[in-house]
């Protein structure tokens, strides 16, 4: 992946995450972009209530990953690190 393509995808991912953040923050949680890997996996950090919530993986996969992949089909998955 070229640096230009990586920067473009990273910008798109950050935009989607910024749209999702208010919903997580309403419940005392938060999400932060960490990195985009060479194989188009988005690594994020779940913080606040999301870090200890038993439903955080469901939120990550069914909410965040679904939204990111819908907006950016090149993304393979979203993982918590």
N, C-alpha and C. Protein backbone atom coordinates (compact mmCIF):
# COMPACT_ATOMS: atom_id res chain seq x y z
N UNK A 1 0.85 -1.17 0.00
CA UNK A 1 0.00 0.00 0.00
C UNK A 1 0.90 1.24 0.00
N UNK A 2 0.58 2.18 -0.85
CA UNK A 2 1.38 3.40 -0.90
C UNK A 2 1.08 4.28 0.31
N UNK A 3 2.00 5.15 0.62
CA UNK A 3 1.80 6.06 1.75
C UNK A 3 0.58 6.94 1.52
N UNK A 4 0.37 7.33 0.27
CA UNK A 4 -0.77 8.18 -0.05
C UNK A 4 -2.09 7.43 0.19
N UNK A 5 -2.16 6.18 -0.24
CA UNK A 5 -3.37 5.37 -0.04
C UNK A 5 -3.60 5.12 1.45
N UNK A 6 -2.52 4.84 2.20
CA UNK A 6 -2.63 4.62 3.64
C UNK A 6 -3.17 5.87 4.32
N UNK A 7 -2.66 7.04 3.94
CA UNK A 7 -3.11 8.30 4.54
C UNK A 7 -4.59 8.54 4.22
N UNK A 8 -4.99 8.23 2.99
CA UNK A 8 -6.39 8.41 2.58
C UNK A 8 -7.31 7.49 3.39
N UNK A 9 -6.94 6.22 3.51
CA UNK A 9 -7.76 5.28 4.28
C UNK A 9 -7.80 5.65 5.75
N UNK A 10 -6.66 6.06 6.30
CA UNK A 10 -6.59 6.46 7.70
C UNK A 10 -7.51 7.64 7.96
N UNK A 11 -7.51 8.60 7.06
CA UNK A 11 -8.38 9.77 7.20
C UNK A 11 -9.85 9.36 7.16
N UNK A 12 -10.19 8.46 6.25
CA UNK A 12 -11.58 7.98 6.16
C UNK A 12 -11.99 7.25 7.44
N UNK A 13 -11.09 6.39 7.95
CA UNK A 13 -11.39 5.64 9.17
C UNK A 13 -11.60 6.61 10.33
N UNK A 14 -10.73 7.59 10.46
CA UNK A 14 -10.87 8.58 11.54
C UNK A 14 -12.19 9.33 11.43
N UNK A 15 -12.62 9.64 10.23
CA UNK A 15 -13.90 10.33 10.05
C UNK A 15 -15.06 9.48 10.53
N UNK A 16 -15.04 8.19 10.20
CA UNK A 16 -16.12 7.29 10.64
C UNK A 16 -16.11 7.17 12.16
N UNK A 17 -14.91 7.01 12.73
CA UNK A 17 -14.79 6.89 14.19
C UNK A 17 -15.32 8.14 14.88
N UNK A 18 -15.04 9.31 14.32
CA UNK A 18 -15.53 10.57 14.92
C UNK A 18 -17.06 10.62 14.89
N UNK A 19 -17.68 9.99 13.91
CA UNK A 19 -19.14 9.97 13.84
C UNK A 19 -19.72 9.01 14.88
N UNK A 20 -18.98 7.97 15.23
CA UNK A 20 -19.45 6.95 16.18
C UNK A 20 -19.19 7.37 17.63
N UNK A 21 -18.13 8.11 17.87
CA UNK A 21 -17.70 8.46 19.23
C UNK A 21 -18.80 9.02 20.12
N UNK A 22 -19.62 9.95 19.64
CA UNK A 22 -20.64 10.51 20.54
C UNK A 22 -21.57 9.46 21.14
N UNK A 23 -21.88 8.42 20.37
CA UNK A 23 -22.76 7.37 20.88
C UNK A 23 -22.09 6.58 22.00
N UNK A 24 -20.81 6.32 21.85
CA UNK A 24 -20.07 5.62 22.90
C UNK A 24 -19.89 6.52 24.12
N UNK A 25 -19.65 7.79 23.88
CA UNK A 25 -19.43 8.73 24.98
C UNK A 25 -20.70 8.92 25.80
N UNK A 26 -21.87 8.78 25.20
CA UNK A 26 -23.13 8.89 25.94
C UNK A 26 -23.22 7.85 27.05
N UNK A 27 -22.58 6.71 26.83
CA UNK A 27 -22.60 5.62 27.81
C UNK A 27 -21.33 5.58 28.65
N UNK A 28 -20.53 6.64 28.60
CA UNK A 28 -19.33 6.72 29.42
C UNK A 28 -18.11 6.06 28.81
N UNK A 29 -18.20 5.66 27.55
CA UNK A 29 -17.07 5.02 26.87
C UNK A 29 -16.45 5.94 25.85
N UNK A 30 -15.46 5.41 25.16
CA UNK A 30 -14.81 6.17 24.09
C UNK A 30 -14.01 5.20 23.25
N UNK A 31 -13.61 5.66 22.08
CA UNK A 31 -12.82 4.85 21.16
C UNK A 31 -11.74 5.75 20.57
N UNK A 32 -10.58 5.18 20.35
CA UNK A 32 -9.47 5.93 19.78
C UNK A 32 -8.81 5.10 18.69
N UNK A 33 -8.57 5.71 17.53
CA UNK A 33 -7.86 5.05 16.44
C UNK A 33 -6.41 4.85 16.87
N UNK A 34 -5.88 3.64 16.63
CA UNK A 34 -4.49 3.34 16.96
C UNK A 34 -3.66 3.24 15.69
N UNK A 35 -4.07 2.35 14.77
CA UNK A 35 -3.31 2.20 13.52
C UNK A 35 -4.11 1.46 12.48
N UNK A 36 -3.65 1.59 11.24
CA UNK A 36 -4.16 0.83 10.11
C UNK A 36 -3.02 -0.06 9.66
N UNK A 37 -3.23 -1.37 9.69
CA UNK A 37 -2.16 -2.30 9.33
C UNK A 37 -2.04 -2.43 7.81
N UNK A 38 -0.98 -3.08 7.37
CA UNK A 38 -0.75 -3.29 5.94
C UNK A 38 -1.84 -4.14 5.29
N UNK A 39 -2.49 -4.99 6.08
CA UNK A 39 -3.56 -5.83 5.52
C UNK A 39 -4.96 -5.24 5.79
N UNK A 40 -5.01 -3.92 5.97
CA UNK A 40 -6.26 -3.16 6.12
C UNK A 40 -7.09 -3.58 7.33
N UNK A 41 -6.42 -3.85 8.43
CA UNK A 41 -7.09 -4.07 9.71
C UNK A 41 -6.93 -2.80 10.53
N UNK A 42 -8.04 -2.31 11.06
CA UNK A 42 -8.02 -1.11 11.88
C UNK A 42 -7.89 -1.53 13.34
N UNK A 43 -6.87 -1.04 14.01
CA UNK A 43 -6.70 -1.29 15.44
C UNK A 43 -7.18 -0.05 16.19
N UNK A 44 -8.02 -0.29 17.20
CA UNK A 44 -8.55 0.80 18.01
C UNK A 44 -8.37 0.47 19.48
N UNK A 45 -8.46 1.49 20.29
CA UNK A 45 -8.41 1.32 21.74
C UNK A 45 -9.77 1.72 22.30
N UNK A 46 -10.37 0.82 23.07
CA UNK A 46 -11.63 1.12 23.75
C UNK A 46 -11.31 1.65 25.13
N UNK A 47 -11.91 2.78 25.48
CA UNK A 47 -11.57 3.44 26.74
C UNK A 47 -12.82 3.70 27.57
N UNK A 48 -12.60 4.14 28.79
CA UNK A 48 -13.71 4.45 29.68
C UNK A 48 -14.53 3.21 29.95
N UNK A 49 -15.85 3.37 29.96
CA UNK A 49 -16.75 2.25 30.24
C UNK A 49 -16.61 1.14 29.19
N UNK A 50 -16.22 1.49 27.98
CA UNK A 50 -16.06 0.48 26.92
C UNK A 50 -14.91 -0.49 27.23
N UNK A 51 -13.94 -0.03 27.98
CA UNK A 51 -12.80 -0.87 28.30
C UNK A 51 -13.14 -2.03 29.21
N UNK A 52 -14.20 -1.88 30.02
CA UNK A 52 -14.55 -2.94 30.97
C UNK A 52 -15.95 -3.51 30.74
N UNK A 53 -16.64 -3.03 29.74
CA UNK A 53 -18.01 -3.48 29.48
C UNK A 53 -18.02 -4.89 28.88
N UNK A 54 -18.86 -5.75 29.41
CA UNK A 54 -18.94 -7.11 28.86
C UNK A 54 -19.49 -7.14 27.43
N UNK A 55 -20.13 -6.07 27.00
CA UNK A 55 -20.69 -6.01 25.65
C UNK A 55 -19.79 -5.25 24.67
N UNK A 56 -18.59 -4.89 25.09
CA UNK A 56 -17.74 -4.06 24.25
C UNK A 56 -17.36 -4.75 22.94
N UNK A 57 -17.15 -6.06 22.94
CA UNK A 57 -16.80 -6.74 21.70
C UNK A 57 -18.00 -6.78 20.74
N UNK A 58 -19.20 -6.89 21.28
CA UNK A 58 -20.39 -6.84 20.45
C UNK A 58 -20.53 -5.44 19.84
N UNK A 59 -20.30 -4.43 20.64
CA UNK A 59 -20.35 -3.05 20.14
C UNK A 59 -19.29 -2.85 19.07
N UNK A 60 -18.09 -3.37 19.33
CA UNK A 60 -16.98 -3.20 18.38
C UNK A 60 -17.31 -3.86 17.05
N UNK A 61 -17.75 -5.10 17.08
CA UNK A 61 -17.99 -5.85 15.84
C UNK A 61 -19.29 -5.44 15.16
N UNK A 62 -20.38 -5.39 15.91
CA UNK A 62 -21.69 -5.11 15.31
C UNK A 62 -21.92 -3.63 15.04
N UNK A 63 -21.26 -2.77 15.77
CA UNK A 63 -21.44 -1.34 15.59
C UNK A 63 -20.31 -0.69 14.82
N UNK A 64 -19.15 -0.66 15.45
CA UNK A 64 -18.01 0.06 14.88
C UNK A 64 -17.53 -0.60 13.59
N UNK A 65 -17.25 -1.90 13.64
CA UNK A 65 -16.73 -2.57 12.45
C UNK A 65 -17.73 -2.51 11.29
N UNK A 66 -18.99 -2.70 11.57
CA UNK A 66 -20.01 -2.64 10.53
C UNK A 66 -20.04 -1.26 9.87
N UNK A 67 -19.99 -0.21 10.67
CA UNK A 67 -20.01 1.16 10.14
C UNK A 67 -18.76 1.46 9.32
N UNK A 68 -17.60 1.04 9.82
CA UNK A 68 -16.34 1.31 9.11
C UNK A 68 -16.32 0.55 7.78
N UNK A 69 -16.69 -0.73 7.80
CA UNK A 69 -16.65 -1.53 6.57
C UNK A 69 -17.70 -1.08 5.56
N UNK A 70 -18.83 -0.57 6.04
CA UNK A 70 -19.85 -0.05 5.12
C UNK A 70 -19.34 1.20 4.41
N UNK A 71 -18.67 2.07 5.17
CA UNK A 71 -18.15 3.32 4.59
C UNK A 71 -16.89 3.10 3.78
N UNK A 72 -16.10 2.09 4.19
CA UNK A 72 -14.80 1.85 3.55
C UNK A 72 -14.65 0.35 3.30
N UNK A 73 -15.15 -0.14 2.16
CA UNK A 73 -15.16 -1.58 1.90
C UNK A 73 -13.77 -2.24 1.90
N UNK A 74 -12.71 -1.47 1.71
CA UNK A 74 -11.36 -2.04 1.70
C UNK A 74 -10.94 -2.56 3.08
N UNK A 75 -11.58 -2.08 4.14
CA UNK A 75 -11.21 -2.48 5.50
C UNK A 75 -11.64 -3.93 5.73
N UNK A 76 -10.72 -4.73 6.26
CA UNK A 76 -10.98 -6.15 6.52
C UNK A 76 -11.67 -6.37 7.86
N UNK A 77 -11.21 -5.67 8.89
CA UNK A 77 -11.80 -5.82 10.22
C UNK A 77 -11.37 -4.66 11.12
N UNK A 78 -12.05 -4.56 12.25
CA UNK A 78 -11.69 -3.59 13.29
C UNK A 78 -11.43 -4.41 14.56
N UNK A 79 -10.26 -4.22 15.15
CA UNK A 79 -9.85 -4.99 16.32
C UNK A 79 -9.47 -4.07 17.47
N UNK A 80 -9.79 -4.50 18.68
CA UNK A 80 -9.37 -3.77 19.89
C UNK A 80 -7.98 -4.22 20.28
N UNK A 81 -7.13 -3.28 20.59
CA UNK A 81 -5.76 -3.60 21.04
C UNK A 81 -5.51 -3.03 22.42
